[in-house]
Amino acid sequence: MEYGLSLGSNTGDRLSNLSQAVTFIRLLEDVTILQQSPVYESEPQGMADDFKDELFLNTVLIIESTQTPMQMLSEFQAIEENMGRPRNHGYNCPRTIDIDIIYAEDLSVDIPGLIIPHPRWSSRRFVVQPLADIRPDIIIPGSKSAVSEILKTLPDKPQIQLFDAPM
């Protein structure tokens, strides 16, 4: 099954955090990384004023696995915890790493603790832009348009920009 993942970090060495998370994902049993988007720097969305200056680095991974969405969620939460993100963090607080499942092939999942496709993916330029870079023609379940078309409808703010550093 193909999964689209969004990874973000806005504390510590953000680029190293993303790189480490990608390495952990690569080491998961029965997971193959198919593609990775460029890294973008983005303004935080929906965060308290105290954290407005803590810019995120974001990337999107396309992976393949036979694991179920719940198994993948458990794996990603373990990576987040291993990298120092507490499970009891507040909503939209700074984090060393955030791993969201954006889509899981053509599945729609709505169970406690997991909604796929991610309910806010299409309103977040920091998800849509990198996803459009590597999967512009994909139509995610529940959407009627390709990712590249959704990107054209998003407002310019909050801004994101290509992060000019190799990962």
Protein backbone atom coordinates (compact mmCIF):
# COMPACT_ATOMS: atom_id res chain seq x y z
CA MET A 1 0.00 0.00 0.00
CA GLU A 2 1.26 3.47 -0.83
CA TYR A 3 1.33 6.05 1.96
CA GLY A 4 1.95 9.78 1.74
CA LEU A 5 3.60 11.20 4.86
CA SER A 6 4.20 14.77 5.94
CA LEU A 7 7.18 15.37 8.23
CA GLY A 8 7.84 18.61 10.07
CA SER A 9 10.24 19.97 12.69
CA ASN A 10 10.59 23.37 14.33
CA THR A 11 12.89 22.84 17.31
CA GLY A 12 16.57 22.03 17.60
CA ASP A 13 18.47 21.14 14.45
CA ARG A 14 15.40 20.95 12.24
CA LEU A 15 17.16 19.52 9.19
CA SER A 16 18.91 16.87 11.25
CA ASN A 17 15.58 16.00 12.89
CA LEU A 18 13.97 15.44 9.48
CA SER A 19 16.95 13.41 8.30
CA GLN A 20 16.90 11.26 11.42
CA ALA A 21 13.15 10.63 11.07
CA VAL A 22 13.61 9.60 7.43
CA THR A 23 16.35 7.19 8.52
CA PHE A 24 14.10 5.68 11.20
CA ILE A 25 11.30 5.27 8.65
CA ARG A 26 13.72 3.65 6.19
CA LEU A 27 14.70 1.13 8.89
CA LEU A 28 11.11 0.06 9.61
CA GLU A 29 10.28 -3.50 8.69
CA ASP A 30 8.42 -3.82 5.40
CA VAL A 31 8.74 -0.13 4.48
CA THR A 32 10.27 1.16 1.26
CA ILE A 33 10.75 4.86 0.62
CA LEU A 34 9.68 5.55 -2.95
CA GLN A 35 10.14 9.33 -3.11
CA GLN A 36 11.01 12.32 -0.98
CA SER A 37 10.12 15.91 -1.76
CA PRO A 38 12.46 18.86 -1.40
CA VAL A 39 12.54 20.45 2.06
CA TYR A 40 10.54 23.63 2.62
CA GLU A 41 10.65 26.19 5.40
CA SER A 42 7.23 27.37 6.53
CA GLU A 43 5.61 29.74 8.93
CA PRO A 44 3.76 27.94 11.72
CA GLN A 45 0.00 27.60 11.27
CA GLY A 46 -2.46 27.77 14.14
CA MET A 47 0.21 28.05 16.83
CA ALA A 48 0.08 30.23 19.93
CA ASP A 49 1.71 33.66 19.59
CA ASP A 50 4.60 32.46 21.80
CA PHE A 51 5.68 30.12 18.99
CA LYS A 52 5.00 32.25 15.88
CA ASP A 53 8.72 32.77 15.21
CA GLU A 54 9.63 29.07 15.31
CA LEU A 55 9.68 28.23 11.60
CA PHE A 56 9.14 24.67 10.45
CA LEU A 57 11.07 22.57 8.01
CA ASN A 58 8.77 20.22 6.11
CA THR A 59 9.11 17.39 3.64
CA VAL A 60 6.81 14.75 2.18
CA LEU A 61 7.68 11.07 1.81
CA ILE A 62 5.96 8.52 -0.36
CA ILE A 63 6.43 5.05 1.09
CA GLU A 64 5.19 1.57 0.37
CA SER A 65 4.29 -1.00 3.02
CA THR A 66 1.95 -3.91 3.65
CA GLN A 67 1.40 -2.68 7.21
CA THR A 68 -2.06 -1.38 8.08
CA PRO A 69 -2.65 2.31 8.75
CA MET A 70 -2.95 1.61 12.50
CA GLN A 71 0.35 -0.28 12.47
CA MET A 72 1.99 2.59 10.59
CA LEU A 73 0.56 5.14 13.05
CA SER A 74 2.01 3.14 15.94
CA GLU A 75 5.41 3.00 14.22
CA PHE A 76 5.40 6.75 13.53
CA GLN A 77 4.34 7.61 17.08
CA ALA A 78 7.21 5.47 18.40
CA ILE A 79 9.64 7.40 16.17
CA GLU A 80 8.24 10.72 17.42
CA GLU A 81 8.61 9.63 21.05
CA ASN A 82 12.11 8.27 20.41
CA MET A 83 13.05 11.67 19.00
CA GLY A 84 11.79 13.50 22.08
CA ARG A 85 8.22 14.40 21.24
CA PRO A 86 5.96 13.69 24.21
CA ARG A 87 2.59 12.07 23.48
CA ASN A 88 0.85 14.55 25.77
CA HIS A 89 2.05 17.63 23.87
CA GLY A 90 -0.37 20.50 23.35
CA TYR A 91 -2.07 21.12 20.04
CA ASN A 92 0.21 22.83 17.51
CA CYS A 93 3.13 23.20 19.92
CA PRO A 94 6.79 23.20 18.90
CA ARG A 95 8.08 19.72 18.15
CA THR A 96 11.29 17.96 17.26
CA ILE A 97 9.37 15.87 14.74
CA ASP A 98 5.81 15.48 13.56
CA ILE A 99 4.88 12.61 11.23
CA ASP A 100 1.38 12.71 9.73
CA ILE A 101 -0.20 10.16 7.42
CA ILE A 102 -1.66 12.27 4.62
CA TYR A 103 -3.09 9.40 2.61
CA ALA A 104 -3.01 5.61 2.46
CA GLU A 105 -3.56 4.65 -1.17
CA ASP A 106 -7.31 4.95 -1.81
CA LEU A 107 -8.42 4.26 1.77
CA SER A 108 -10.66 6.42 3.89
CA VAL A 109 -10.25 5.77 7.62
CA ASP A 110 -12.09 7.48 10.46
CA ILE A 111 -11.47 5.79 13.78
CA PRO A 112 -10.46 7.21 17.18
CA GLY A 113 -6.90 8.47 16.88
CA LEU A 114 -6.62 8.19 13.10
CA ILE A 115 -8.31 9.96 10.21
CA ILE A 116 -7.08 9.29 6.67
CA PRO A 117 -6.84 11.26 4.49
CA HIS A 118 -5.55 13.82 6.96
CA PRO A 119 -8.48 16.20 7.50
CA ARG A 120 -6.49 19.42 6.90
CA TRP A 121 -3.97 18.33 4.27
CA SER A 122 -5.55 20.28 1.41
CA SER A 123 -5.49 23.60 3.29
CA ARG A 124 -1.81 23.40 4.22
CA ARG A 125 0.63 24.72 1.65
CA PHE A 126 3.48 23.07 3.59
CA VAL A 127 1.88 19.71 2.72
CA VAL A 128 0.40 20.45 -0.70
CA GLN A 129 3.49 22.10 -2.25
CA PRO A 130 5.97 19.31 -1.48
CA LEU A 131 3.37 16.67 -2.38
CA ALA A 132 2.75 18.46 -5.70
CA ASP A 133 6.50 18.38 -6.36
CA ILE A 134 6.54 14.57 -6.36
CA ARG A 135 2.92 13.48 -6.99
CA PRO A 136 1.27 16.39 -8.86
CA ASP A 137 -1.41 14.25 -10.51
CA ILE A 138 -2.55 12.23 -7.50
CA ILE A 139 -6.16 12.68 -6.44
CA ILE A 140 -6.48 11.95 -2.75
CA PRO A 141 -9.72 10.28 -1.58
CA GLY A 142 -12.40 12.83 -0.80
CA SER A 143 -10.88 15.34 -3.21
CA LYS A 144 -12.11 15.99 -6.71
CA SER A 145 -8.91 17.64 -7.95
CA ALA A 146 -5.30 16.67 -8.43
CA VAL A 147 -2.82 17.96 -5.87
CA SER A 148 -1.32 20.36 -8.45
CA GLU A 149 -4.77 21.93 -8.95
CA ILE A 150 -5.39 22.22 -5.21
CA LEU A 151 -2.05 24.01 -4.87
CA LYS A 152 -3.27 26.74 -7.26
CA THR A 153 -6.24 27.48 -4.98
CA LEU A 154 -4.26 28.02 -1.78
CA PRO A 155 -3.62 31.53 -0.43
CA ASP A 156 -0.05 32.85 -0.42
CA LYS A 157 -0.04 33.14 3.37
CA PRO A 158 1.31 31.54 5.42
CA GLN A 159 4.36 31.51 3.21
CA ILE A 160 6.68 28.63 2.52
CA GLN A 161 9.98 28.64 0.68
CA LEU A 162 12.38 26.05 -0.60
CA PHE A 163 15.04 25.36 2.03
CA ASP A 164 18.40 25.47 0.36
CA ALA A 165 20.31 22.74 2.17
CA PRO A 166 20.83 19.11 1.27
CA MET A 167 19.31 16.50 3.53
